[in-house]
Amino acid sequence: MRELVSCANVVFAPSLAEGFGSVHSEVCAMGIPLITRRVAAIPEVVNGKVTFLEDDTPQGFLDAIEKVKNGDFEEGEKKCFSREKTVEKIENLYE
């Protein structure tokens, strides 16, 4: 799957709801532009070349694509999610 995603010029992942947003964070870690919604945890886990949909209409989708074409991204601070740290924090919750 990683090989296929790495061939993409942009990933369009307009989730209606997300827990952690694994697809989103993986795409960002790969440096591939991402179009998504500003819902649930997505704004907290994405960074880099991200464009958020402003509305859920066909025109909203076209606007987001146009932003990506023009290099108009909401680049945030780079984030790193360590599996080891996550497991450690979850274990601490159960202690």
PDB file of N, CA and C in Angstrom:
ATOM      1  N   MET A   1       0.825  -1.187   0.000  1.00  0.00           N
ATOM      2  CA  MET A   1       0.000   0.000   0.000  1.00  0.00           C
ATOM      3  C   MET A   1       0.874   1.256   0.000  1.00  0.00           C
ATOM      4  N   ARG A   2       1.948   1.217   0.802  1.00  0.00           N
ATOM      5  CA  ARG A   2       2.849   2.374   0.876  1.00  0.00           C
ATOM      6  C   ARG A   2       3.404   2.716  -0.504  1.00  0.00           C
ATOM      7  N   GLU A   3       3.736   1.686  -1.280  1.00  0.00           N
ATOM      8  CA  GLU A   3       4.279   1.907  -2.621  1.00  0.00           C
ATOM      9  C   GLU A   3       3.259   2.610  -3.518  1.00  0.00           C
ATOM     10  N   LEU A   4       1.994   2.197  -3.431  1.00  0.00           N
ATOM     11  CA  LEU A   4       0.951   2.833  -4.226  1.00  0.00           C
ATOM     12  C   LEU A   4       0.742   4.290  -3.809  1.00  0.00           C
ATOM     13  N   VAL A   5       0.672   4.522  -2.511  1.00  0.00           N
ATOM     14  CA  VAL A   5       0.461   5.883  -2.013  1.00  0.00           C
ATOM     15  C   VAL A   5       1.629   6.781  -2.397  1.00  0.00           C
ATOM     16  N   SER A   6       2.838   6.239  -2.389  1.00  0.00           N
ATOM     17  CA  SER A   6       4.011   7.053  -2.718  1.00  0.00           C
ATOM     18  C   SER A   6       3.999   7.540  -4.160  1.00  0.00           C
ATOM     19  N   CYS A   7       3.190   6.913  -5.011  1.00  0.00           N
ATOM     20  CA  CYS A   7       3.071   7.341  -6.411  1.00  0.00           C
ATOM     21  C   CYS A   7       2.062   8.468  -6.592  1.00  0.00           C
ATOM     22  N   ALA A   8       1.294   8.772  -5.569  1.00  0.00           N
ATOM     23  CA  ALA A   8       0.232   9.782  -5.679  1.00  0.00           C
ATOM     24  C   ALA A   8       0.795  11.199  -5.643  1.00  0.00           C
ATOM     25  N   ASN A   9       0.171  12.077  -6.405  1.00  0.00           N
ATOM     26  CA  ASN A   9       0.514  13.501  -6.361  1.00  0.00           C
ATOM     27  C   ASN A   9      -0.181  14.189  -5.204  1.00  0.00           C
ATOM     28  N   VAL A  10      -1.319  13.645  -4.807  1.00  0.00           N
ATOM     29  CA  VAL A  10      -2.096  14.171  -3.687  1.00  0.00           C
ATOM     30  C   VAL A  10      -3.008  13.048  -3.197  1.00  0.00           C
ATOM     31  N   VAL A  11      -3.292  13.040  -1.902  1.00  0.00           N
ATOM     32  CA  VAL A  11      -4.239  12.074  -1.342  1.00  0.00           C
ATOM     33  C   VAL A  11      -5.450  12.854  -0.851  1.00  0.00           C
ATOM     34  N   PHE A  12      -6.613  12.406  -1.263  1.00  0.00           N
ATOM     35  CA  PHE A  12      -7.882  13.023  -0.896  1.00  0.00           C
ATOM     36  C   PHE A  12      -8.551  12.100   0.101  1.00  0.00           C
ATOM     37  N   ALA A  13      -8.577  12.484   1.376  1.00  0.00           N
ATOM     38  CA  ALA A  13      -9.148  11.647   2.430  1.00  0.00           C
ATOM     39  C   ALA A  13     -10.164  12.464   3.227  1.00  0.00           C
ATOM     40  N   PRO A  14     -11.362  12.645   2.653  1.00  0.00           N
ATOM     41  CA  PRO A  14     -12.371  13.502   3.287  1.00  0.00           C
ATOM     42  C   PRO A  14     -13.181  12.785   4.361  1.00  0.00           C
ATOM     43  N   SER A  15     -12.536  12.347   5.400  1.00  0.00           N
ATOM     44  CA  SER A  15     -13.198  11.604   6.471  1.00  0.00           C
ATOM     45  C   SER A  15     -14.308  12.425   7.118  1.00  0.00           C
ATOM     46  N   LEU A  16     -15.371  11.733   7.478  1.00  0.00           N
ATOM     47  CA  LEU A  16     -16.461  12.382   8.209  1.00  0.00           C
ATOM     48  C   LEU A  16     -16.176  12.350   9.705  1.00  0.00           C
ATOM     49  N   ALA A  17     -15.451  11.333  10.146  1.00  0.00           N
ATOM     50  CA  ALA A  17     -15.063  11.180  11.544  1.00  0.00           C
ATOM     51  C   ALA A  17     -13.819  10.308  11.581  1.00  0.00           C
ATOM     52  N   GLU A  18     -12.964  10.560  12.513  1.00  0.00           N
ATOM     53  CA  GLU A  18     -11.721   9.786  12.638  1.00  0.00           C
ATOM     54  C   GLU A  18     -11.372   9.644  14.098  1.00  0.00           C
ATOM     55  N   GLY A  19     -10.781   8.522  14.438  1.00  0.00           N
ATOM     56  CA  GLY A  19     -10.232   8.357  15.773  1.00  0.00           C
ATOM     57  C   GLY A  19      -8.881   9.035  15.832  1.00  0.00           C
ATOM     58  N   PHE A  20      -7.877   8.361  15.313  1.00  0.00           N
ATOM     59  CA  PHE A  20      -6.529   8.912  15.319  1.00  0.00           C
ATOM     60  C   PHE A  20      -6.155   9.530  13.981  1.00  0.00           C
ATOM     61  N   GLY A  21      -6.641   8.992  12.892  1.00  0.00           N
ATOM     62  CA  GLY A  21      -6.289   9.504  11.579  1.00  0.00           C
ATOM     63  C   GLY A  21      -5.004   8.898  11.049  1.00  0.00           C
ATOM     64  N   SER A  22      -4.875   7.572  11.147  1.00  0.00           N
ATOM     65  CA  SER A  22      -3.642   6.899  10.726  1.00  0.00           C
ATOM     66  C   SER A  22      -3.302   7.147   9.268  1.00  0.00           C
ATOM     67  N   VAL A  23      -4.283   7.043   8.390  1.00  0.00           N
ATOM     68  CA  VAL A  23      -4.030   7.282   6.970  1.00  0.00           C
ATOM     69  C   VAL A  23      -3.494   8.689   6.786  1.00  0.00           C
ATOM     70  N   HIS A  24      -4.105   9.629   7.454  1.00  0.00           N
ATOM     71  CA  HIS A  24      -3.723  11.031   7.332  1.00  0.00           C
ATOM     72  C   HIS A  24      -2.295  11.268   7.819  1.00  0.00           C
ATOM     73  N   SER A  25      -1.973  10.729   8.988  1.00  0.00           N
ATOM     74  CA  SER A  25      -0.630  10.953   9.532  1.00  0.00           C
ATOM     75  C   SER A  25       0.434  10.249   8.693  1.00  0.00           C
ATOM     76  N   GLU A  26       0.103   9.082   8.132  1.00  0.00           N
ATOM     77  CA  GLU A  26       1.062   8.373   7.283  1.00  0.00           C
ATOM     78  C   GLU A  26       1.329   9.138   5.993  1.00  0.00           C
ATOM     79  N   VAL A  27       0.279   9.677   5.393  1.00  0.00           N
ATOM     80  CA  VAL A  27       0.442  10.468   4.170  1.00  0.00           C
ATOM     81  C   VAL A  27       1.312  11.690   4.464  1.00  0.00           C
ATOM     82  N   CYS A  28       1.078  12.355   5.567  1.00  0.00           N
ATOM     83  CA  CYS A  28       1.879  13.525   5.943  1.00  0.00           C
ATOM     84  C   CYS A  28       3.336  13.140   6.172  1.00  0.00           C
ATOM     85  N   ALA A  29       3.556  12.011   6.828  1.00  0.00           N
ATOM     86  CA  ALA A  29       4.925  11.558   7.084  1.00  0.00           C
ATOM     87  C   ALA A  29       5.664  11.264   5.787  1.00  0.00           C
ATOM     88  N   MET A  30       4.926  10.902   4.750  1.00  0.00           N
ATOM     89  CA  MET A  30       5.525  10.614   3.454  1.00  0.00           C
ATOM     90  C   MET A  30       5.759  11.880   2.633  1.00  0.00           C
ATOM     91  N   GLY A  31       5.257  13.017   3.135  1.00  0.00           N
ATOM     92  CA  GLY A  31       5.458  14.285   2.431  1.00  0.00           C
ATOM     93  C   GLY A  31       4.544  14.479   1.234  1.00  0.00           C
ATOM     94  N   ILE A  32       3.464  13.719   1.180  1.00  0.00           N
ATOM     95  CA  ILE A  32       2.514  13.815   0.068  1.00  0.00           C
ATOM     96  C   ILE A  32       1.416  14.804   0.449  1.00  0.00           C
ATOM     97  N   PRO A  33       1.041  15.718  -0.452  1.00  0.00           N
ATOM     98  CA  PRO A  33      -0.041  16.646  -0.151  1.00  0.00           C
ATOM     99  C   PRO A  33      -1.327  15.901   0.205  1.00  0.00           C
ATOM    100  N   LEU A  34      -2.054  16.451   1.173  1.00  0.00           N
ATOM    101  CA  LEU A  34      -3.275  15.828   1.698  1.00  0.00           C
ATOM    102  C   LEU A  34      -4.417  16.829   1.673  1.00  0.00           C
ATOM    103  N   ILE A  35      -5.565  16.384   1.172  1.00  0.00           N
ATOM    104  CA  ILE A  35      -6.809  17.151   1.268  1.00  0.00           C
ATOM    105  C   ILE A  35      -7.710  16.377   2.208  1.00  0.00           C
ATOM    106  N   THR A  36      -8.208  17.049   3.235  1.00  0.00           N
ATOM    107  CA  THR A  36      -9.040  16.374   4.232  1.00  0.00           C
ATOM    108  C   THR A  36      -9.993  17.371   4.880  1.00  0.00           C
ATOM    109  N   ARG A  37     -10.775  16.881   5.811  1.00  0.00           N
ATOM    110  CA  ARG A  37     -11.697  17.741   6.566  1.00  0.00           C
ATOM    111  C   ARG A  37     -11.078  18.072   7.918  1.00  0.00           C
ATOM    112  N   ARG A  38     -11.592  19.106   8.506  1.00  0.00           N
ATOM    113  CA  ARG A  38     -11.168  19.544   9.840  1.00  0.00           C
ATOM    114  C   ARG A  38     -12.143  18.938  10.864  1.00  0.00           C
ATOM    115  N   VAL A  39     -12.058  17.597  11.044  1.00  0.00           N
ATOM    116  CA  VAL A  39     -12.961  16.893  11.958  1.00  0.00           C
ATOM    117  C   VAL A  39     -12.169  16.019  12.920  1.00  0.00           C
ATOM    118  N   ALA A  40     -12.776  15.740  14.047  1.00  0.00           N
ATOM    119  CA  ALA A  40     -12.222  14.823  15.061  1.00  0.00           C
ATOM    120  C   ALA A  40     -10.757  15.121  15.330  1.00  0.00           C
ATOM    121  N   ALA A  41      -9.917  14.093  15.317  1.00  0.00           N
ATOM    122  CA  ALA A  41      -8.500  14.249  15.667  1.00  0.00           C
ATOM    123  C   ALA A  41      -7.626  14.666  14.489  1.00  0.00           C
ATOM    124  N   ILE A  42      -8.197  14.745  13.295  1.00  0.00           N
ATOM    125  CA  ILE A  42      -7.376  15.010  12.113  1.00  0.00           C
ATOM    126  C   ILE A  42      -6.513  16.265  12.248  1.00  0.00           C
ATOM    127  N   PRO A  43      -7.058  17.414  12.649  1.00  0.00           N
ATOM    128  CA  PRO A  43      -6.189  18.597  12.755  1.00  0.00           C
ATOM    129  C   PRO A  43      -5.027  18.415  13.736  1.00  0.00           C
ATOM    130  N   GLU A  44      -5.201  17.527  14.696  1.00  0.00           N
ATOM    131  CA  GLU A  44      -4.151  17.310  15.695  1.00  0.00           C
ATOM    132  C   GLU A  44      -3.022  16.421  15.191  1.00  0.00           C
ATOM    133  N   VAL A  45      -3.285  15.603  14.178  1.00  0.00           N
ATOM    134  CA  VAL A  45      -2.266  14.645  13.745  1.00  0.00           C
ATOM    135  C   VAL A  45      -1.629  14.971  12.399  1.00  0.00           C
ATOM    136  N   VAL A  46      -2.206  15.906  11.650  1.00  0.00           N
ATOM    137  CA  VAL A  46      -1.646  16.208  10.327  1.00  0.00           C
ATOM    138  C   VAL A  46      -0.669  17.372  10.384  1.00  0.00           C
ATOM    139  N   ASN A  47       0.211  17.399   9.413  1.00  0.00           N
ATOM    140  CA  ASN A  47       1.164  18.495   9.271  1.00  0.00           C
ATOM    141  C   ASN A  47       1.727  18.463   7.862  1.00  0.00           C
ATOM    142  N   GLY A  48       2.535  19.428   7.543  1.00  0.00           N
ATOM    143  CA  GLY A  48       3.129  19.459   6.216  1.00  0.00           C
ATOM    144  C   GLY A  48       2.172  20.020   5.190  1.00  0.00           C
ATOM    145  N   LYS A  49       2.086  19.362   4.056  1.00  0.00           N
ATOM    146  CA  LYS A  49       1.299  19.852   2.926  1.00  0.00           C
ATOM    147  C   LYS A  49      -0.158  19.435   3.068  1.00  0.00           C
ATOM    148  N   VAL A  50      -0.911  20.184   3.892  1.00  0.00           N
ATOM    149  CA  VAL A  50      -2.302  19.857   4.176  1.00  0.00           C
ATOM    150  C   VAL A  50      -3.206  20.988   3.718  1.00  0.00           C
ATOM    151  N   THR A  51      -4.282  20.619   3.048  1.00  0.00           N
ATOM    152  CA  THR A  51      -5.325  21.565   2.674  1.00  0.00           C
ATOM    153  C   THR A  51      -6.628  21.029   3.241  1.00  0.00           C
ATOM    154  N   PHE A  52      -7.313  21.865   4.019  1.00  0.00           N
ATOM    155  CA  PHE A  52      -8.586  21.450   4.605  1.00  0.00           C
ATOM    156  C   PHE A  52      -9.741  21.893   3.716  1.00  0.00           C
ATOM    157  N   LEU A  53     -10.734  21.014   3.569  1.00  0.00           N
ATOM    158  CA  LEU A  53     -11.942  21.362   2.830  1.00  0.00           C
ATOM    159  C   LEU A  53     -12.699  22.425   3.608  1.00  0.00           C
ATOM    160  N   GLU A  54     -13.146  23.443   2.916  1.00  0.00           N
ATOM    161  CA  GLU A  54     -13.919  24.501   3.576  1.00  0.00           C
ATOM    162  C   GLU A  54     -15.407  24.162   3.600  1.00  0.00           C
ATOM    163  N   ASP A  55     -15.869  23.413   2.589  1.00  0.00           N
ATOM    164  CA  ASP A  55     -17.252  22.939   2.604  1.00  0.00           C
ATOM    165  C   ASP A  55     -17.347  21.640   1.824  1.00  0.00           C
ATOM    166  N   ASP A  56     -18.469  20.945   1.993  1.00  0.00           N
ATOM    167  CA  ASP A  56     -18.634  19.600   1.429  1.00  0.00           C
ATOM    168  C   ASP A  56     -19.346  19.591   0.078  1.00  0.00           C
ATOM    169  N   THR A  57     -19.194  20.641  -0.670  1.00  0.00           N
ATOM    170  CA  THR A  57     -19.840  20.719  -1.974  1.00  0.00           C
ATOM    171  C   THR A  57     -18.834  20.383  -3.063  1.00  0.00           C
ATOM    172  N   PRO A  58     -19.323  20.062  -4.256  1.00  0.00           N
ATOM    173  CA  PRO A  58     -18.376  19.858  -5.362  1.00  0.00           C
ATOM    174  C   PRO A  58     -17.455  21.069  -5.563  1.00  0.00           C
ATOM    175  N   GLN A  59     -17.987  22.271  -5.384  1.00  0.00           N
ATOM    176  CA  GLN A  59     -17.154  23.462  -5.528  1.00  0.00           C
ATOM    177  C   GLN A  59     -16.092  23.514  -4.426  1.00  0.00           C
ATOM    178  N   GLY A  60     -16.446  23.077  -3.221  1.00  0.00           N
ATOM    179  CA  GLY A  60     -15.476  23.012  -2.124  1.00  0.00           C
ATOM    180  C   GLY A  60     -14.335  22.064  -2.444  1.00  0.00           C
ATOM    181  N   PHE A  61     -14.672  20.921  -3.064  1.00  0.00           N
ATOM    182  CA  PHE A  61     -13.645  19.965  -3.472  1.00  0.00           C
ATOM    183  C   PHE A  61     -12.743  20.568  -4.539  1.00  0.00           C
ATOM    184  N   LEU A  62     -13.350  21.226  -5.529  1.00  0.00           N
ATOM    185  CA  LEU A  62     -12.560  21.867  -6.587  1.00  0.00           C
ATOM    186  C   LEU A  62     -11.657  22.960  -6.020  1.00  0.00           C
ATOM    187  N   ASP A  63     -12.184  23.730  -5.062  1.00  0.00           N
ATOM    188  CA  ASP A  63     -11.372  24.786  -4.430  1.00  0.00           C
ATOM    189  C   ASP A  63     -10.151  24.190  -3.732  1.00  0.00           C
ATOM    190  N   ALA A  64     -10.355  23.075  -3.043  1.00  0.00           N
ATOM    191  CA  ALA A  64      -9.243  22.426  -2.335  1.00  0.00           C
ATOM    192  C   ALA A  64      -8.197  21.914  -3.326  1.00  0.00           C
ATOM    193  N   ILE A  65      -8.654  21.327  -4.414  1.00  0.00           N
ATOM    194  CA  ILE A  65      -7.729  20.837  -5.433  1.00  0.00           C
ATOM    195  C   ILE A  65      -6.948  22.003  -6.035  1.00  0.00           C
ATOM    196  N   GLU A  66      -7.627  23.108  -6.268  1.00  0.00           N
ATOM    197  CA  GLU A  66      -6.971  24.303  -6.813  1.00  0.00           C
ATOM    198  C   GLU A  66      -5.905  24.824  -5.849  1.00  0.00           C
ATOM    199  N   LYS A  67      -6.215  24.789  -4.539  1.00  0.00           N
ATOM    200  CA  LYS A  67      -5.232  25.208  -3.536  1.00  0.00           C
ATOM    201  C   LYS A  67      -3.979  24.342  -3.602  1.00  0.00           C
ATOM    202  N   VAL A  68      -4.172  23.032  -3.724  1.00  0.00           N
ATOM    203  CA  VAL A  68      -3.028  22.119  -3.811  1.00  0.00           C
ATOM    204  C   VAL A  68      -2.218  22.424  -5.068  1.00  0.00           C
ATOM    205  N   LYS A  69      -2.898  22.632  -6.181  1.00  0.00           N
ATOM    206  CA  LYS A  69      -2.200  22.959  -7.433  1.00  0.00           C
ATOM    207  C   LYS A  69      -1.357  24.224  -7.290  1.00  0.00           C
ATOM    208  N   ASN A  70      -1.851  25.179  -6.484  1.00  0.00           N
ATOM    209  CA  ASN A  70      -1.151  26.449  -6.286  1.00  0.00           C
ATOM    210  C   ASN A  70      -0.152  26.398  -5.130  1.00  0.00           C
ATOM    211  N   GLY A  71      -0.037  25.237  -4.469  1.00  0.00           N
ATOM    212  CA  GLY A  71       0.896  25.100  -3.350  1.00  0.00           C
ATOM    213  C   GLY A  71       0.437  25.824  -2.101  1.00  0.00           C
ATOM    214  N   ASP A  72      -0.880  26.006  -1.965  1.00  0.00           N
ATOM    215  CA  ASP A  72      -1.458  26.715  -0.820  1.00  0.00           C
ATOM    216  C   ASP A  72      -1.830  25.692   0.260  1.00  0.00           C
ATOM    217  N   PHE A  73      -0.916  25.500   1.213  1.00  0.00           N
ATOM    218  CA  PHE A  73      -1.111  24.509   2.272  1.00  0.00           C
ATOM    219  C   PHE A  73      -1.133  25.174   3.639  1.00  0.00           C
ATOM    220  N   GLU A  74      -1.720  24.482   4.620  1.00  0.00           N
ATOM    221  CA  GLU A  74      -1.677  24.909   6.018  1.00  0.00           C
ATOM    222  C   GLU A  74      -0.605  24.075   6.705  1.00  0.00           C
ATOM    223  N   GLU A  75       0.644  24.438   6.481  1.00  0.00           N
ATOM    224  CA  GLU A  75       1.751  23.647   7.023  1.00  0.00           C
ATOM    225  C   GLU A  75       1.894  23.887   8.517  1.00  0.00           C
ATOM    226  N   GLY A  76       1.755  22.818   9.279  1.00  0.00           N
ATOM    227  CA  GLY A  76       1.916  22.910  10.725  1.00  0.00           C
ATOM    228  C   GLY A  76       3.238  22.314  11.156  1.00  0.00           C
ATOM    229  N   GLU A  77       3.438  22.328  12.437  1.00  0.00           N
ATOM    230  CA  GLU A  77       4.663  21.774  13.019  1.00  0.00           C
ATOM    231  C   GLU A  77       4.715  20.268  12.779  1.00  0.00           C
ATOM    232  N   LYS A  78       5.893  19.752  12.397  1.00  0.00           N
ATOM    233  CA  LYS A  78       6.049  18.321  12.143  1.00  0.00           C
ATOM    234  C   LYS A  78       5.774  17.523  13.412  1.00  0.00           C
ATOM    235  N   LYS A  79       5.035  16.440  13.261  1.00  0.00           N
ATOM    236  CA  LYS A  79       4.661  15.609  14.400  1.00  0.00           C
ATOM    237  C   LYS A  79       5.183  14.194  14.197  1.00  0.00           C
ATOM    238  N   CYS A  80       5.563  13.580  15.282  1.00  0.00           N
ATOM    239  CA  CYS A  80       6.069  12.209  15.226  1.00  0.00           C
ATOM    240  C   CYS A  80       5.316  11.393  16.265  1.00  0.00           C
ATOM    241  N   PHE A  81       4.761  10.277  15.842  1.00  0.00           N
ATOM    242  CA  PHE A  81       4.003   9.427  16.742  1.00  0.00           C
ATOM    243  C   PHE A  81       4.736   8.103  16.892  1.00  0.00           C
ATOM    244  N   SER A  82       5.333   7.908  18.052  1.00  0.00           N
ATOM    245  CA  SER A  82       6.111   6.717  18.326  1.00  0.00           C
ATOM    246  C   SER A  82       5.208   5.614  18.869  1.00  0.00           C
ATOM    247  N   ARG A  83       5.292   4.455  18.257  1.00  0.00           N
ATOM    248  CA  ARG A  83       4.507   3.309  18.718  1.00  0.00           C
ATOM    249  C   ARG A  83       4.881   2.956  20.154  1.00  0.00           C
ATOM    250  N   GLU A  84       6.191   3.012  20.459  1.00  0.00           N
ATOM    251  CA  GLU A  84       6.658   2.661  21.803  1.00  0.00           C
ATOM    252  C   GLU A  84       6.099   3.625  22.854  1.00  0.00           C
ATOM    253  N   LYS A  85       6.144   4.931  22.566  1.00  0.00           N
ATOM    254  CA  LYS A  85       5.625   5.914  23.520  1.00  0.00           C
ATOM    255  C   LYS A  85       4.117   5.766  23.702  1.00  0.00           C
ATOM    256  N   THR A  86       3.430   5.470  22.621  1.00  0.00           N
ATOM    257  CA  THR A  86       1.977   5.291  22.704  1.00  0.00           C
ATOM    258  C   THR A  86       1.632   4.100  23.584  1.00  0.00           C
ATOM    259  N   VAL A  87       2.326   2.985  23.376  1.00  0.00           N
ATOM    260  CA  VAL A  87       2.087   1.790  24.191  1.00  0.00           C
ATOM    261  C   VAL A  87       2.391   2.093  25.660  1.00  0.00           C
ATOM    262  N   GLU A  88       3.484   2.795  25.904  1.00  0.00           N
ATOM    263  CA  GLU A  88       3.854   3.147  27.280  1.00  0.00           C
ATOM    264  C   GLU A  88       2.773   3.991  27.948  1.00  0.00           C
ATOM    265  N   LYS A  89       2.238   4.957  27.229  1.00  0.00           N
ATOM    266  CA  LYS A  89       1.191   5.812  27.802  1.00  0.00           C
ATOM    267  C   LYS A  89      -0.086   5.022  28.074  1.00  0.00           C
ATOM    268  N   ILE A  90      -0.431   4.112  27.185  1.00  0.00           N
ATOM    269  CA  ILE A  90      -1.623   3.290  27.392  1.00  0.00           C
ATOM    270  C   ILE A  90      -1.426   2.380  28.602  1.00  0.00           C
ATOM    271  N   GLU A  91      -0.254   1.780  28.722  1.00  0.00           N
ATOM    272  CA  GLU A  91       0.031   0.927  29.883  1.00  0.00           C
ATOM    273  C   GLU A  91      -0.067   1.717  31.174  1.00  0.00           C
ATOM    274  N   ASN A  92       0.403   2.966  31.163  1.00  0.00           N
ATOM    275  CA  ASN A  92       0.333   3.807  32.366  1.00  0.00           C
ATOM    276  C   ASN A  92      -1.113   4.098  32.754  1.00  0.00           C
ATOM    277  N   LEU A  93      -1.988   4.188  31.787  1.00  0.00           N
ATOM    278  CA  LEU A  93      -3.410   4.415  32.094  1.00  0.00           C
ATOM    279  C   LEU A  93      -4.015   3.257  32.874  1.00  0.00           C
ATOM    280  N   TYR A  94      -3.533   2.047  32.587  1.00  0.00           N
ATOM    281  CA  TYR A  94      -4.093   0.863  33.230  1.00  0.00           C
ATOM    282  C   TYR A  94      -3.432   0.511  34.560  1.00  0.00           C
ATOM    283  N   GLU A  95      -2.373   1.223  34.906  1.00  0.00           N
ATOM    284  CA  GLU A  95      -1.710   0.930  36.184  1.00  0.00           C
ATOM    285  C   GLU A  95      -2.425   1.561  37.350  1.00  0.00           C
TER     286      GLU A  95
END
